[in-house]
Amino acid sequence: MITCQKCAKENQDHYKFCLGCGSELPRDVSPKPFSTQTPPHGIKAVSLPPRGFETAATDPPPQFVPHAAAAVIAKSEAPATMPAKGQSAPPPASGGSVSCPQCAHENTPSNLFCGACGYRLQGVSAPRQPAAKTSIAAPQDMVSALATVSLTALRADGSDAGTFQVSSAETSIGRDTGAIFSGDSYLSPHHATLQIQPSGRAVIRDEGSLNGIYRKLERDVPVELIDGSTFRIGQEIVRFEALSTESPTSDGVERFGSPRGDAIGRLVLVIGREQVGNAFLVPASGMHLGRERGEVLFPEDGYVSGLHCRINIEGPSIYLTDLGSSNGTFVRIHADLELHTGDVLLMGQQLFRIAISE
């Protein structure tokens, strides 16, 4: 055994540096050879630790293979954790020896300095195995990411005038939204709400706006009209009103009225907030609307096609069908409407083409 002259700690006779204080041990005892535990073929070089070893200027440093710390790092998938200044090193995970990062010599956990090269071992611990990864199941309603809905404003010639993208679960659309909506005085401040559901469905709701939301009909695809349904062709706003037979009063008196024949309803032109214009009876045989042909004509409206749309009766139901008009037929929505890519909406004085992407 070799006794350190500085701290009086006993060290094995092959140690060159004290395990207690790191000082160089006396040379009066011939050191025994020791193994650095380095493979004969060498190891890949890595950067040296920031703190080196202490040695006397007159004594050459001990022989060791540089960068032997790689032998320690190669054994672990995660780097050792360095404790904060002033804290002692945690015990090794395996409960065995601590390898010196500089020369790979195995030291007991109580050693403060490497017995082979004098490297300070405080803060060096045995490598820890990384914790097993666990998977956390996402809530069912969050499995699918929200879709993105694009509203592209269309000019009169069909070209794009600007796009507004919606990717949040609920978005207000109206004049207060700004962007492509701000300059339209026919839009209410909070005109509509667009909702995107986790399933990817997009739904738009009219929030009681003054001028409403209209959806463009597909050509030759009939849509049912109910009492109070409103549609637009060209610049004309038309409301359908069903007609019912009035019963006599309680004392048996019948009300006067012009003969209506077989009419099942009427079309009323909406010309103001609470004002209506001409009215046209809808016979049981149906009718056509257009600028040049049909039972109801709008000769001065250049946005109405020559033969624009048809109203026909099938059983108890009344249907409106676009006949391939140039500018389309639009029906005002009265309930939540599910949107699809390619749909065209009329809000205010603007047309918006819908595109939905996952």
Protein backbone atom coordinates (compact mmCIF):
# COMPACT_ATOMS: atom_id res chain seq x y z
CA MET A 1 0.00 0.00 0.00
CA ILE A 2 1.13 3.58 -0.64
CA THR A 3 0.22 6.30 1.87
CA CYS A 4 -0.56 9.71 0.42
CA GLN A 5 1.76 12.35 1.95
CA LYS A 6 -0.93 15.01 1.54
CA CYS A 7 -4.09 13.42 2.94
CA ALA A 8 -2.69 10.20 4.49
CA LYS A 9 -5.07 8.00 2.54
CA GLU A 10 -3.84 4.52 1.77
CA ASN A 11 -3.75 3.55 -1.88
CA GLN A 12 -2.87 0.35 -3.64
CA ASP A 13 0.76 0.19 -4.66
CA HIS A 14 0.06 0.34 -8.39
CA TYR A 15 -1.81 3.67 -8.13
CA LYS A 16 0.05 6.79 -9.24
CA PHE A 17 -2.47 9.29 -7.89
CA CYS A 18 -4.27 9.42 -4.57
CA LEU A 19 -7.88 8.26 -4.50
CA GLY A 20 -8.69 10.80 -1.82
CA CYS A 21 -7.16 14.06 -3.05
CA GLY A 22 -5.76 13.32 -6.49
CA SER A 23 -2.19 14.17 -5.55
CA GLU A 24 0.71 12.31 -7.11
CA LEU A 25 1.80 9.41 -4.94
CA PRO A 26 5.44 8.90 -3.84
CA ARG A 27 7.71 7.07 -6.29
CA ASP A 28 9.73 5.13 -3.74
CA VAL A 29 7.54 2.12 -4.34
CA SER A 30 7.76 0.57 -7.75
CA PRO A 31 4.34 0.67 -9.33
CA LYS A 32 2.90 -2.51 -10.65
CA PRO A 33 1.71 -2.65 -14.22
CA PHE A 34 -1.96 -2.10 -14.77
CA SER A 35 -4.32 -2.56 -17.68
CA THR A 36 -6.17 0.34 -19.16
CA GLN A 37 -8.83 -2.09 -20.42
CA THR A 38 -8.53 -0.68 -23.90
CA PRO A 39 -9.10 -3.09 -26.81
CA PRO A 40 -5.86 -3.93 -28.66
CA HIS A 41 -7.26 -2.55 -31.91
CA GLY A 42 -7.97 0.85 -30.31
CA ILE A 43 -11.22 2.82 -30.21
CA LYS A 44 -12.71 5.70 -32.13
CA ALA A 45 -11.45 9.09 -30.98
CA VAL A 46 -13.86 11.47 -29.28
CA SER A 47 -13.45 14.86 -27.62
CA LEU A 48 -11.61 14.88 -24.29
CA PRO A 49 -13.52 15.85 -21.14
CA PRO A 50 -13.17 19.53 -20.26
CA ARG A 51 -11.06 18.92 -17.14
CA GLY A 52 -7.71 17.14 -17.43
CA PHE A 53 -5.55 15.33 -14.86
CA GLU A 54 -3.03 16.81 -12.46
CA THR A 55 0.69 15.93 -12.73
CA ALA A 56 4.02 17.31 -11.63
CA ALA A 57 6.01 19.29 -14.17
CA THR A 58 9.09 17.13 -13.62
CA ASP A 59 7.29 13.83 -13.91
CA PRO A 60 5.93 12.64 -17.28
CA PRO A 61 2.24 11.87 -17.33
CA PRO A 62 1.14 8.26 -17.02
CA GLN A 63 0.81 6.28 -20.20
CA PHE A 64 -2.73 5.82 -21.46
CA VAL A 65 -4.59 5.56 -24.75
CA PRO A 66 -6.11 8.98 -25.59
CA HIS A 67 -9.86 9.43 -25.68
CA ALA A 68 -10.60 6.18 -23.89
CA ALA A 69 -13.90 7.75 -22.80
CA ALA A 70 -15.41 6.41 -26.01
CA ALA A 71 -15.28 2.93 -24.54
CA VAL A 72 -17.60 4.08 -21.81
CA ILE A 73 -19.96 6.01 -24.10
CA ALA A 74 -20.25 3.09 -26.48
CA LYS A 75 -21.75 0.99 -23.68
CA SER A 76 -24.68 3.36 -23.17
CA GLU A 77 -27.50 4.69 -25.33
CA ALA A 78 -27.88 7.82 -23.20
CA PRO A 79 -25.19 10.15 -21.76
CA ALA A 80 -24.50 10.19 -18.05
CA THR A 81 -26.24 12.90 -16.07
CA MET A 82 -23.91 15.48 -14.52
CA PRO A 83 -24.99 16.67 -11.06
CA ALA A 84 -25.11 20.35 -10.14
CA LYS A 85 -22.06 21.98 -8.63
CA GLY A 86 -21.65 21.08 -4.96
CA GLN A 87 -23.68 17.88 -5.22
CA SER A 88 -22.18 14.43 -4.92
CA ALA A 89 -22.31 11.99 -7.77
CA PRO A 90 -25.27 9.56 -7.72
CA PRO A 91 -24.43 5.91 -7.14
CA PRO A 92 -23.95 3.81 -10.24
CA ALA A 93 -27.08 2.19 -11.59
CA SER A 94 -25.55 -1.28 -11.49
CA GLY A 95 -24.13 -0.84 -7.99
CA GLY A 96 -20.60 -1.78 -9.28
CA SER A 97 -17.52 0.20 -10.34
CA VAL A 98 -17.28 3.56 -12.09
CA SER A 99 -15.29 3.75 -15.32
CA CYS A 100 -12.95 6.70 -15.75
CA PRO A 101 -14.01 8.74 -18.78
CA GLN A 102 -10.36 9.50 -19.55
CA CYS A 103 -8.63 6.13 -19.34
CA ALA A 104 -11.52 3.68 -18.81
CA HIS A 105 -10.02 2.36 -15.58
CA GLU A 106 -12.61 0.81 -13.27
CA ASN A 107 -12.82 2.57 -9.89
CA THR A 108 -14.91 1.90 -6.80
CA PRO A 109 -17.91 4.23 -6.36
CA SER A 110 -16.27 5.91 -3.33
CA ASN A 111 -13.22 7.09 -5.29
CA LEU A 112 -13.11 10.85 -5.90
CA PHE A 113 -10.19 10.53 -8.36
CA CYS A 114 -9.15 7.85 -10.81
CA GLY A 115 -6.39 5.69 -9.35
CA ALA A 116 -4.78 5.27 -12.78
CA CYS A 117 -4.69 8.75 -14.26
CA GLY A 118 -5.88 11.06 -11.47
CA TYR A 119 -8.98 12.27 -13.36
CA ARG A 120 -11.57 13.79 -11.03
CA LEU A 121 -14.48 11.35 -10.85
CA GLN A 122 -16.98 13.60 -9.09
CA GLY A 123 -20.02 13.86 -11.30
CA VAL A 124 -19.24 10.67 -13.26
CA SER A 125 -21.76 7.91 -12.83
CA ALA A 126 -22.42 4.61 -14.45
CA PRO A 127 -24.47 4.97 -17.63
CA ARG A 128 -28.22 4.77 -17.23
CA GLN A 129 -30.44 2.86 -19.57
CA PRO A 130 -33.04 5.03 -21.26
CA ALA A 131 -36.54 4.71 -19.88
CA ALA A 132 -38.93 2.62 -21.88
CA LYS A 133 -41.11 4.65 -24.18
CA THR A 134 -44.81 4.65 -23.49
CA SER A 135 -47.53 5.56 -25.89
CA ILE A 136 -50.47 7.68 -24.83
CA ALA A 137 -53.68 7.11 -26.69
CA ALA A 138 -55.12 10.31 -28.14
CA PRO A 139 -58.78 11.13 -27.50
CA GLN A 140 -61.05 9.66 -30.10
CA ASP A 141 -62.28 13.07 -31.28
CA MET A 142 -58.72 14.27 -31.88
CA VAL A 143 -57.47 11.35 -33.97
CA SER A 144 -58.15 13.19 -37.21
CA ALA A 145 -56.68 16.64 -37.69
CA LEU A 146 -59.06 19.42 -38.61
CA ALA A 147 -59.52 20.02 -42.32
CA THR A 148 -58.90 23.37 -44.01
CA VAL A 149 -61.74 25.16 -45.79
CA SER A 150 -60.95 27.77 -48.44
CA LEU A 151 -63.47 30.39 -49.57
CA THR A 152 -62.39 31.90 -52.88
CA ALA A 153 -64.19 35.04 -54.03
CA LEU A 154 -65.17 34.95 -57.73
CA ARG A 155 -65.31 37.88 -60.13
CA ALA A 156 -68.04 38.23 -62.74
CA ASP A 157 -65.85 36.48 -65.31
CA GLY A 158 -65.22 33.54 -62.96
CA SER A 159 -61.62 34.45 -62.06
CA ASP A 160 -60.37 34.44 -58.47
CA ALA A 161 -60.55 37.68 -56.50
CA GLY A 162 -59.01 36.46 -53.24
CA THR A 163 -59.07 33.51 -50.87
CA PHE A 164 -59.92 33.23 -47.17
CA GLN A 165 -58.78 30.05 -45.41
CA VAL A 166 -60.42 28.57 -42.32
CA SER A 167 -58.67 25.88 -40.27
CA SER A 168 -60.04 26.46 -36.76
CA ALA A 169 -62.98 24.56 -35.30
CA GLU A 170 -65.30 27.60 -35.45
CA THR A 171 -64.87 30.84 -37.38
CA SER A 172 -67.10 33.88 -37.71
CA ILE A 173 -67.64 35.19 -41.22
CA GLY A 174 -68.95 38.66 -41.90
CA ARG A 175 -68.01 42.24 -42.51
CA ASP A 176 -66.16 42.40 -39.18
CA THR A 177 -63.98 39.45 -40.24
CA GLY A 178 -62.11 41.71 -42.63
CA ALA A 179 -60.09 40.26 -45.52
CA ILE A 180 -62.25 39.64 -48.60
CA PHE A 181 -65.46 40.33 -46.65
CA SER A 182 -64.76 43.84 -45.35
CA GLY A 183 -65.86 45.87 -48.37
CA ASP A 184 -69.30 44.27 -48.88
CA SER A 185 -72.02 46.42 -47.30
CA TYR A 186 -74.59 43.69 -47.95
CA LEU A 187 -72.87 41.41 -45.43
CA SER A 188 -73.88 41.61 -41.78
CA PRO A 189 -71.04 42.21 -39.27
CA HIS A 190 -71.48 38.63 -38.01
CA HIS A 191 -73.10 37.04 -41.03
CA ALA A 192 -72.38 33.34 -40.60
CA THR A 193 -70.43 30.76 -38.61
CA LEU A 194 -68.31 28.10 -40.29
CA GLN A 195 -67.58 25.00 -38.23
CA ILE A 196 -64.99 22.30 -39.01
CA GLN A 197 -65.59 19.03 -37.21
CA PRO A 198 -62.86 16.47 -36.34
CA SER A 199 -64.44 14.09 -38.84
CA GLY A 200 -63.58 16.55 -41.62
CA ARG A 201 -67.15 17.78 -42.18
CA ALA A 202 -67.57 21.52 -42.73
CA VAL A 203 -70.88 23.15 -41.81
CA ILE A 204 -72.02 26.75 -42.32
CA ARG A 205 -74.80 28.40 -40.34
CA ASP A 206 -76.65 31.64 -41.04
CA GLU A 207 -76.51 33.77 -37.88
CA GLY A 208 -79.74 35.66 -38.60
CA SER A 209 -78.17 37.88 -41.26
CA LEU A 210 -80.35 40.35 -43.11
CA ASN A 211 -79.56 39.11 -46.62
CA GLY A 212 -78.90 35.45 -45.89
CA ILE A 213 -76.74 32.75 -47.48
CA TYR A 214 -77.60 31.22 -50.84
CA ARG A 215 -76.30 27.98 -52.31
CA LYS A 216 -75.96 27.53 -56.06
CA LEU A 217 -77.99 24.66 -57.50
CA GLU A 218 -76.46 22.02 -59.70
CA ARG A 219 -77.83 21.85 -63.22
CA ASP A 220 -80.89 19.60 -63.62
CA VAL A 221 -80.85 18.62 -59.92
CA PRO A 222 -84.24 19.52 -58.38
CA VAL A 223 -84.45 21.03 -54.89
CA GLU A 224 -87.65 20.99 -52.89
CA LEU A 225 -89.38 24.28 -52.11
CA ILE A 226 -91.36 24.80 -48.92
CA ASP A 227 -93.58 27.63 -47.84
CA GLY A 228 -91.30 30.67 -47.45
CA SER A 229 -88.40 29.36 -49.53
CA THR A 230 -86.44 32.16 -51.20
CA PHE A 231 -84.31 31.87 -54.34
CA ARG A 232 -82.42 34.19 -56.63
CA ILE A 233 -82.05 34.29 -60.42
CA GLY A 234 -80.08 37.14 -61.95
CA GLN A 235 -80.93 40.22 -59.87
CA GLU A 236 -84.36 38.92 -58.88
CA ILE A 237 -85.15 37.76 -55.32
CA VAL A 238 -88.18 35.47 -55.40
CA ARG A 239 -90.11 33.96 -52.49
CA PHE A 240 -92.40 30.96 -52.82
CA GLU A 241 -95.60 31.02 -50.78
CA ALA A 242 -97.89 28.02 -50.57
CA LEU A 243 -101.62 28.67 -50.95
CA SER A 244 -104.19 26.96 -48.79
CA THR A 245 -107.96 27.02 -48.88
CA GLU A 246 -109.44 29.31 -46.27
CA SER A 247 -112.29 27.90 -44.24
CA PRO A 248 -115.46 29.92 -43.54
CA THR A 249 -115.59 31.92 -40.34
CA SER A 250 -117.33 30.56 -37.26
CA ASP A 251 -120.64 32.06 -38.40
CA GLY A 252 -120.34 30.48 -41.87
CA VAL A 253 -119.27 33.52 -43.90
CA GLU A 254 -117.02 32.92 -46.92
CA ARG A 255 -114.25 35.43 -47.79
CA PHE A 256 -114.25 37.19 -51.17
CA GLY A 257 -111.29 36.58 -53.50
CA SER A 258 -110.32 36.40 -57.14
CA PRO A 259 -110.55 32.95 -58.68
CA ARG A 260 -107.26 31.10 -58.40
CA GLY A 261 -108.09 28.02 -60.41
CA ASP A 262 -105.71 25.13 -59.71
CA ALA A 263 -102.91 27.27 -58.30
CA ILE A 264 -100.96 25.62 -55.49
CA GLY A 265 -98.81 28.61 -54.60
CA ARG A 266 -97.43 31.91 -55.76
CA LEU A 267 -94.09 33.57 -56.47
CA VAL A 268 -93.57 36.97 -54.88
CA LEU A 269 -90.78 39.38 -55.88
CA VAL A 270 -88.95 40.71 -52.82
CA ILE A 271 -88.05 44.36 -53.51
CA GLY A 272 -87.17 45.54 -50.00
CA ARG A 273 -86.80 44.55 -46.37
CA GLU A 274 -90.55 44.41 -45.81
CA GLN A 275 -91.74 45.13 -49.33
CA VAL A 276 -92.89 42.85 -52.13
CA GLY A 277 -93.67 43.52 -55.77
CA ASN A 278 -95.42 41.46 -58.42
CA ALA A 279 -96.87 38.07 -57.57
CA PHE A 280 -97.36 35.14 -59.97
CA LEU A 281 -99.59 32.14 -59.35
CA VAL A 282 -97.96 28.73 -59.64
CA PRO A 283 -100.37 26.32 -61.35
CA ALA A 284 -100.47 22.61 -60.62
CA SER A 285 -98.87 21.99 -64.02
CA GLY A 286 -95.75 23.96 -63.03
CA MET A 287 -94.07 26.91 -64.73
CA HIS A 288 -90.83 28.18 -66.28
CA LEU A 289 -88.91 31.37 -65.55
CA GLY A 290 -86.52 33.17 -67.93
CA ARG A 291 -85.68 36.31 -69.80
CA GLU A 292 -87.20 35.25 -73.15
CA ARG A 293 -89.16 32.03 -72.58
CA GLY A 294 -91.49 30.82 -69.87
CA GLU A 295 -94.61 31.83 -67.98
CA VAL A 296 -92.73 34.42 -65.88
CA LEU A 297 -90.33 36.67 -67.81
CA PHE A 298 -87.69 39.21 -66.73
CA PRO A 299 -86.84 40.82 -70.09
CA GLU A 300 -84.79 43.66 -68.62
CA ASP A 301 -82.55 41.56 -66.38
CA GLY A 302 -79.47 40.71 -68.42
CA TYR A 303 -78.26 38.23 -65.77
CA VAL A 304 -81.28 35.96 -66.32
CA SER A 305 -80.86 33.36 -69.06
CA GLY A 306 -83.37 32.98 -71.88
CA LEU A 307 -84.80 29.86 -70.16
CA HIS A 308 -83.46 29.93 -66.64
CA CYS A 309 -85.26 27.51 -64.28
CA ARG A 310 -88.40 25.45 -63.80
CA ILE A 311 -90.90 24.87 -61.00
CA ASN A 312 -92.78 21.59 -61.13
CA ILE A 313 -95.04 19.59 -58.83
CA GLU A 314 -94.57 15.91 -58.04
CA GLY A 315 -97.21 14.60 -55.70
CA PRO A 316 -97.39 16.79 -52.60
CA SER A 317 -93.94 18.35 -53.20
CA ILE A 318 -92.86 21.39 -55.23
CA TYR A 319 -89.38 21.44 -56.81
CA LEU A 320 -87.10 24.11 -58.27
CA THR A 321 -84.62 23.04 -60.99
CA ASP A 322 -81.90 25.03 -62.74
CA LEU A 323 -81.94 24.44 -66.50
CA GLY A 324 -78.30 25.22 -67.24
CA SER A 325 -78.46 28.98 -66.78
CA SER A 326 -75.32 31.03 -67.34
CA ASN A 327 -75.32 32.71 -63.92
CA GLY A 328 -77.01 30.02 -61.86
CA THR A 329 -79.97 29.62 -59.55
CA PHE A 330 -79.41 30.14 -55.82
CA VAL A 331 -81.59 28.97 -52.93
CA ARG A 332 -81.40 30.59 -49.48
CA ILE A 333 -80.51 28.15 -46.70
CA HIS A 334 -82.68 27.95 -43.58
CA ALA A 335 -80.70 25.36 -41.61
CA ASP A 336 -77.11 24.26 -41.10
CA LEU A 337 -75.61 23.37 -44.48
CA GLU A 338 -72.84 20.80 -44.93
CA LEU A 339 -70.29 22.08 -47.44
CA HIS A 340 -68.45 20.10 -50.11
CA THR A 341 -65.60 20.94 -52.44
CA GLY A 342 -66.96 22.73 -55.49
CA ASP A 343 -69.98 24.27 -53.76
CA VAL A 344 -70.65 27.92 -54.61
CA LEU A 345 -72.21 30.24 -52.04
CA LEU A 346 -73.74 33.68 -52.50
CA MET A 347 -73.23 35.92 -49.46
CA GLY A 348 -73.86 39.62 -49.77
CA GLN A 349 -72.93 40.59 -53.30
CA GLN A 350 -70.12 38.05 -53.62
CA LEU A 351 -69.79 34.50 -54.86
CA PHE A 352 -67.49 32.11 -52.95
CA ARG A 353 -66.21 28.78 -54.22
CA ILE A 354 -65.59 26.18 -51.52
CA ALA A 355 -62.57 23.88 -51.34
CA ILE A 356 -61.96 21.43 -48.48
CA SER A 357 -58.56 19.83 -47.94
CA GLU A 358 -57.53 17.26 -45.31
